[in-house]
Amino acid sequence: MTESAAATGTDWRAWQESWDRQQEWYMPDREERFRVMLDMVEAFAGPEPRVLDLACGTGSITDRLLKRFPKAESVGVDLDPALLTIAEGYFAGDRRVTFVTADLKDPGWTAALPHTSYDAVLTATALHWLHAEPLAALYGQLAGLVADGGVFMNADHMKDDTPRINAAERAHRHAAMERARAAGALDWADWWALAAADPVLAGPTARRFEIYGEHAEGDTPSVRWHTETLRAAGFAEARPVWASPSDALVLALR
């Protein structure tokens, strides 16, 4: 048990694992996306990268990064007080990890970061909360944060205009989700209800819902939109390096 867990009586590892299981209910291929993401980090930034974990949540990317690359360094940035509380508890005492509270829609958010350059900027299932215009502006800021030869990767919902494929994929995925639900899997609302009932997380969870509401709804533009917008923002190359019928992992090279 970490010092933070001992101080609060909270099992931060259990909360981290609970978040992962809840996310996997929606995305059963989540670990495969992470694996490909870290393969590309190694290919372009090597085994000791300085990484910005963008919209980091509980630190799922950082957790996998450090397990695979023990000499890596990670800076996690997010605005969600509940998920950051879990992240800070889970990584307490790990000098390789720093967390920053910042709003990615604030034009000055980068001033809160401890470094001005990163070998890789990574994000997963987060930026669909932004609409296209602020997302394009964010991409422009990220082009200034990624070191020459470094990479930005965004794994998220990116649906192209293929209605029959989209409908079939959605029906298949939802059938699997219903089976998992019947077996006891937690959905988004269930998970947050548990967080709200926890003595340590109740306050941060209440503040989280004051910030975001039930669930912020942004845009889910196509892979083509992401690659073209990233090139326009200043990245030299951009293309998908992994895809499922509903999600993709886009890599942009600085």
Protein backbone atom coordinates (compact mmCIF):
# COMPACT_ATOMS: atom_id res chain seq x y z
CA MET A 1 0.00 0.00 0.00
CA THR A 2 1.34 3.46 -0.90
CA GLU A 3 1.84 6.18 1.70
CA SER A 4 -1.13 8.03 0.16
CA ALA A 5 -3.34 4.95 0.47
CA ALA A 6 -2.29 4.46 4.07
CA ALA A 7 -3.10 8.07 4.87
CA THR A 8 -6.61 7.97 3.36
CA GLY A 9 -7.55 4.32 3.71
CA THR A 10 -8.29 4.32 -0.01
CA ASP A 11 -7.10 1.53 -2.29
CA TRP A 12 -5.91 3.58 -5.25
CA ARG A 13 -4.84 0.51 -7.22
CA ALA A 14 -8.37 -0.86 -6.96
CA TRP A 15 -9.80 2.43 -8.23
CA GLN A 16 -7.31 2.46 -11.12
CA GLU A 17 -8.24 -1.09 -12.07
CA SER A 18 -11.96 -0.33 -11.70
CA TRP A 19 -11.62 2.60 -14.11
CA ASP A 20 -9.81 0.37 -16.61
CA ARG A 21 -12.54 -2.29 -16.44
CA GLN A 22 -15.27 0.30 -16.92
CA GLN A 23 -13.49 1.73 -19.96
CA GLU A 24 -12.94 -1.75 -21.39
CA TRP A 25 -16.67 -2.36 -21.24
CA TYR A 26 -17.03 0.28 -23.93
CA MET A 27 -13.75 -0.54 -25.75
CA PRO A 28 -12.75 -4.20 -25.52
CA ASP A 29 -9.74 -3.54 -27.81
CA ARG A 30 -8.44 -0.76 -25.54
CA GLU A 31 -5.26 -2.63 -24.60
CA GLU A 32 -4.42 -3.26 -28.24
CA ARG A 33 -4.60 0.49 -28.90
CA PHE A 34 -2.24 1.13 -25.99
CA ARG A 35 0.18 -1.52 -27.25
CA VAL A 36 0.38 0.03 -30.71
CA MET A 37 0.72 3.49 -29.18
CA LEU A 38 3.71 2.42 -27.09
CA ASP A 39 5.25 0.59 -30.06
CA MET A 40 5.23 3.92 -31.90
CA VAL A 41 6.66 5.77 -28.88
CA GLU A 42 9.57 3.33 -28.90
CA ALA A 43 10.01 3.65 -32.67
CA PHE A 44 10.16 7.44 -32.67
CA ALA A 45 11.26 8.45 -29.16
CA GLY A 46 13.17 5.45 -27.84
CA PRO A 47 12.90 3.72 -24.44
CA GLU A 48 13.50 6.81 -22.26
CA PRO A 49 11.01 9.39 -23.56
CA ARG A 50 9.65 12.48 -21.90
CA VAL A 51 5.89 12.12 -22.41
CA LEU A 52 2.93 14.43 -22.00
CA ASP A 53 -0.14 12.37 -21.05
CA LEU A 54 -2.85 14.68 -22.37
CA ALA A 55 -6.27 14.58 -20.66
CA CYS A 56 -4.69 11.84 -18.58
CA GLY A 57 -7.64 10.87 -16.38
CA THR A 58 -6.46 8.29 -13.85
CA GLY A 59 -3.14 7.91 -15.68
CA SER A 60 -3.94 4.81 -17.73
CA ILE A 61 -1.42 5.71 -20.44
CA THR A 62 1.25 6.68 -17.91
CA ASP A 63 0.78 3.39 -16.05
CA ARG A 64 1.41 1.35 -19.19
CA LEU A 65 4.22 3.66 -20.34
CA LEU A 66 6.23 3.24 -17.13
CA LYS A 67 5.67 -0.52 -16.95
CA ARG A 68 7.09 -0.88 -20.45
CA PHE A 69 9.72 1.88 -20.24
CA PRO A 70 10.91 2.21 -16.62
CA LYS A 71 13.22 5.13 -17.47
CA ALA A 72 10.47 7.20 -19.09
CA GLU A 73 9.14 10.43 -17.58
CA SER A 74 5.49 11.43 -17.73
CA VAL A 75 3.58 14.66 -17.15
CA GLY A 76 -0.17 14.11 -16.88
CA VAL A 77 -2.53 17.02 -17.46
CA ASP A 78 -6.27 17.04 -16.83
CA LEU A 79 -9.05 19.15 -15.33
CA ASP A 80 -11.13 16.38 -13.74
CA PRO A 81 -10.55 16.60 -9.94
CA ALA A 82 -11.84 13.08 -9.23
CA LEU A 83 -9.76 11.28 -11.84
CA LEU A 84 -6.70 13.34 -10.89
CA THR A 85 -7.21 12.40 -7.24
CA ILE A 86 -7.04 8.73 -8.22
CA ALA A 87 -4.00 9.33 -10.42
CA GLU A 88 -2.15 11.23 -7.71
CA GLY A 89 -2.94 8.54 -5.16
CA TYR A 90 -1.95 5.69 -7.46
CA PHE A 91 1.38 7.26 -8.48
CA ALA A 92 2.21 8.82 -5.10
CA GLY A 93 5.96 8.80 -4.48
CA ASP A 94 6.90 8.05 -8.10
CA ARG A 95 9.34 10.79 -9.10
CA ARG A 96 8.94 9.95 -12.77
CA VAL A 97 5.39 11.31 -12.75
CA THR A 98 4.04 14.84 -12.42
CA PHE A 99 0.39 15.89 -12.60
CA VAL A 100 -0.90 19.28 -13.68
CA THR A 101 -4.44 20.64 -13.38
CA ALA A 102 -5.31 22.63 -16.51
CA ASP A 103 -8.20 23.26 -18.88
CA LEU A 104 -7.22 22.37 -22.46
CA LYS A 105 -9.73 24.92 -23.75
CA ASP A 106 -7.85 27.70 -21.95
CA PRO A 107 -5.45 29.30 -24.47
CA GLY A 108 -2.81 29.61 -21.74
CA TRP A 109 -2.93 26.04 -20.42
CA THR A 110 0.60 25.18 -21.59
CA ALA A 111 2.07 27.72 -19.13
CA ALA A 112 1.23 25.29 -16.32
CA LEU A 113 3.45 22.55 -17.76
CA PRO A 114 6.89 21.88 -16.22
CA HIS A 115 8.57 21.52 -19.65
CA THR A 116 8.25 23.27 -23.00
CA SER A 117 9.12 20.24 -25.14
CA TYR A 118 8.11 16.56 -25.14
CA ASP A 119 9.28 13.56 -27.13
CA ALA A 120 5.71 12.27 -27.32
CA VAL A 121 2.28 13.66 -26.52
CA LEU A 122 -0.28 10.90 -26.02
CA THR A 123 -4.03 10.91 -25.46
CA ALA A 124 -6.81 8.32 -25.57
CA THR A 125 -10.59 8.52 -25.54
CA ALA A 126 -10.60 12.11 -24.36
CA LEU A 127 -10.49 14.74 -27.11
CA HIS A 128 -13.91 13.78 -28.52
CA TRP A 129 -15.18 15.96 -25.66
CA LEU A 130 -14.01 18.96 -27.70
CA HIS A 131 -15.78 20.47 -30.70
CA ALA A 132 -13.83 20.77 -33.96
CA GLU A 133 -12.78 24.42 -33.62
CA PRO A 134 -11.17 24.19 -30.15
CA LEU A 135 -9.67 20.82 -31.10
CA ALA A 136 -7.99 22.36 -34.15
CA ALA A 137 -6.65 25.15 -31.92
CA LEU A 138 -5.32 22.56 -29.47
CA TYR A 139 -3.54 20.74 -32.30
CA GLY A 140 -1.78 23.99 -33.13
CA GLN A 141 -0.57 24.30 -29.55
CA LEU A 142 0.61 20.69 -29.50
CA ALA A 143 2.72 21.26 -32.61
CA GLY A 144 4.70 23.70 -30.50
CA LEU A 145 5.14 21.21 -27.64
CA VAL A 146 6.35 18.17 -29.58
CA ALA A 147 10.12 18.07 -30.11
CA ASP A 148 11.54 17.83 -33.63
CA GLY A 149 11.20 14.21 -34.70
CA GLY A 150 8.76 13.57 -31.86
CA VAL A 151 5.20 12.33 -32.13
CA PHE A 152 1.66 13.13 -31.13
CA MET A 153 -0.86 10.29 -30.95
CA ASN A 154 -4.61 10.49 -30.45
CA ALA A 155 -6.64 7.29 -29.96
CA ASP A 156 -10.32 8.16 -30.06
CA HIS A 157 -13.72 7.76 -31.67
CA MET A 158 -13.27 8.68 -35.34
CA LYS A 159 -16.22 7.59 -37.45
CA ASP A 160 -16.12 7.93 -41.21
CA ASP A 161 -19.29 8.29 -43.28
CA THR A 162 -20.01 4.57 -43.72
CA PRO A 163 -23.54 4.14 -42.34
CA ARG A 164 -24.03 0.41 -42.88
CA ILE A 165 -20.60 -0.45 -41.43
CA ASN A 166 -21.18 1.90 -38.51
CA ALA A 167 -24.62 0.41 -37.78
CA ALA A 168 -23.37 -3.19 -37.91
CA GLU A 169 -20.38 -2.41 -35.70
CA ARG A 170 -22.57 -0.59 -33.18
CA ALA A 171 -25.08 -3.46 -33.01
CA HIS A 172 -22.33 -6.04 -32.55
CA ARG A 173 -20.53 -4.00 -29.89
CA HIS A 174 -23.72 -3.27 -27.97
CA ALA A 175 -24.69 -6.94 -27.93
CA ALA A 176 -21.33 -7.76 -26.35
CA MET A 177 -21.78 -4.91 -23.86
CA GLU A 178 -25.17 -6.26 -22.82
CA ARG A 179 -23.67 -9.68 -22.17
CA ALA A 180 -20.91 -8.11 -20.07
CA ARG A 181 -23.47 -5.97 -18.26
CA ALA A 182 -25.46 -9.07 -17.34
CA ALA A 183 -22.25 -10.53 -15.92
CA GLY A 184 -21.79 -7.52 -13.63
CA ALA A 185 -19.76 -4.99 -15.64
CA LEU A 186 -20.04 -1.37 -14.51
CA ASP A 187 -21.06 1.32 -16.98
CA TRP A 188 -20.14 5.02 -16.84
CA ALA A 189 -23.03 6.03 -14.56
CA ASP A 190 -22.51 3.08 -12.19
CA TRP A 191 -18.81 3.87 -11.83
CA TRP A 192 -19.42 7.51 -11.03
CA ALA A 193 -22.11 6.58 -8.52
CA LEU A 194 -19.53 4.48 -6.67
CA ALA A 195 -17.04 7.36 -6.77
CA ALA A 196 -19.66 9.76 -5.37
CA ALA A 197 -20.28 7.36 -2.47
CA ASP A 198 -16.61 7.03 -1.54
CA PRO A 199 -15.65 9.30 1.41
CA VAL A 200 -12.40 10.42 -0.22
CA LEU A 201 -13.70 10.82 -3.78
CA ALA A 202 -17.12 12.30 -2.98
CA GLY A 203 -15.91 15.91 -2.90
CA PRO A 204 -13.75 15.72 -6.06
CA THR A 205 -16.58 13.89 -7.85
CA ALA A 206 -19.09 16.61 -6.99
CA ARG A 207 -16.67 19.25 -8.31
CA ARG A 208 -16.15 17.16 -11.44
CA PHE A 209 -19.87 17.22 -12.26
CA GLU A 210 -19.95 20.97 -11.64
CA ILE A 211 -17.28 21.33 -14.34
CA TYR A 212 -18.51 18.83 -16.93
CA GLY A 213 -22.12 17.97 -16.19
CA GLU A 214 -23.22 14.41 -16.85
CA HIS A 215 -21.11 13.92 -19.98
CA ALA A 216 -19.67 16.58 -22.25
CA GLU A 217 -20.51 16.04 -25.91
CA GLY A 218 -18.06 17.26 -28.51
CA ASP A 219 -17.47 16.18 -32.10
CA THR A 220 -16.19 12.90 -33.55
CA PRO A 221 -14.68 13.96 -36.88
CA SER A 222 -13.21 11.48 -39.32
CA VAL A 223 -9.65 10.20 -39.50
CA ARG A 224 -9.19 12.34 -42.60
CA TRP A 225 -10.22 15.47 -40.69
CA HIS A 226 -7.70 14.69 -37.94
CA THR A 227 -4.79 14.03 -40.32
CA GLU A 228 -5.48 17.10 -42.43
CA THR A 229 -5.91 19.33 -39.38
CA LEU A 230 -2.70 18.05 -37.82
CA ARG A 231 -0.73 18.77 -40.99
CA ALA A 232 -2.25 22.24 -41.16
CA ALA A 233 -1.25 22.77 -37.51
CA GLY A 234 2.43 22.20 -38.32
CA PHE A 235 3.04 18.46 -38.18
CA ALA A 236 5.11 17.08 -41.07
CA GLU A 237 3.21 13.82 -41.49
CA ALA A 238 0.02 12.33 -40.07
CA ARG A 239 -1.84 9.08 -40.64
CA PRO A 240 -3.69 6.32 -38.75
CA VAL A 241 -1.53 3.51 -37.39
CA TRP A 242 -4.39 1.44 -35.93
CA ALA A 243 -8.14 1.33 -36.49
CA SER A 244 -11.31 -0.53 -35.56
CA PRO A 245 -14.75 0.03 -37.11
CA SER A 246 -15.43 2.90 -34.69
CA ASP A 247 -12.06 4.09 -33.35
CA ALA A 248 -8.62 4.97 -34.69
CA LEU A 249 -5.15 5.83 -33.48
CA VAL A 250 -3.73 8.75 -35.47
CA LEU A 251 -0.01 9.49 -35.32
CA ALA A 252 1.46 12.85 -36.27
CA LEU A 253 5.21 13.34 -36.71
CA ARG A 254 6.82 16.68 -35.95
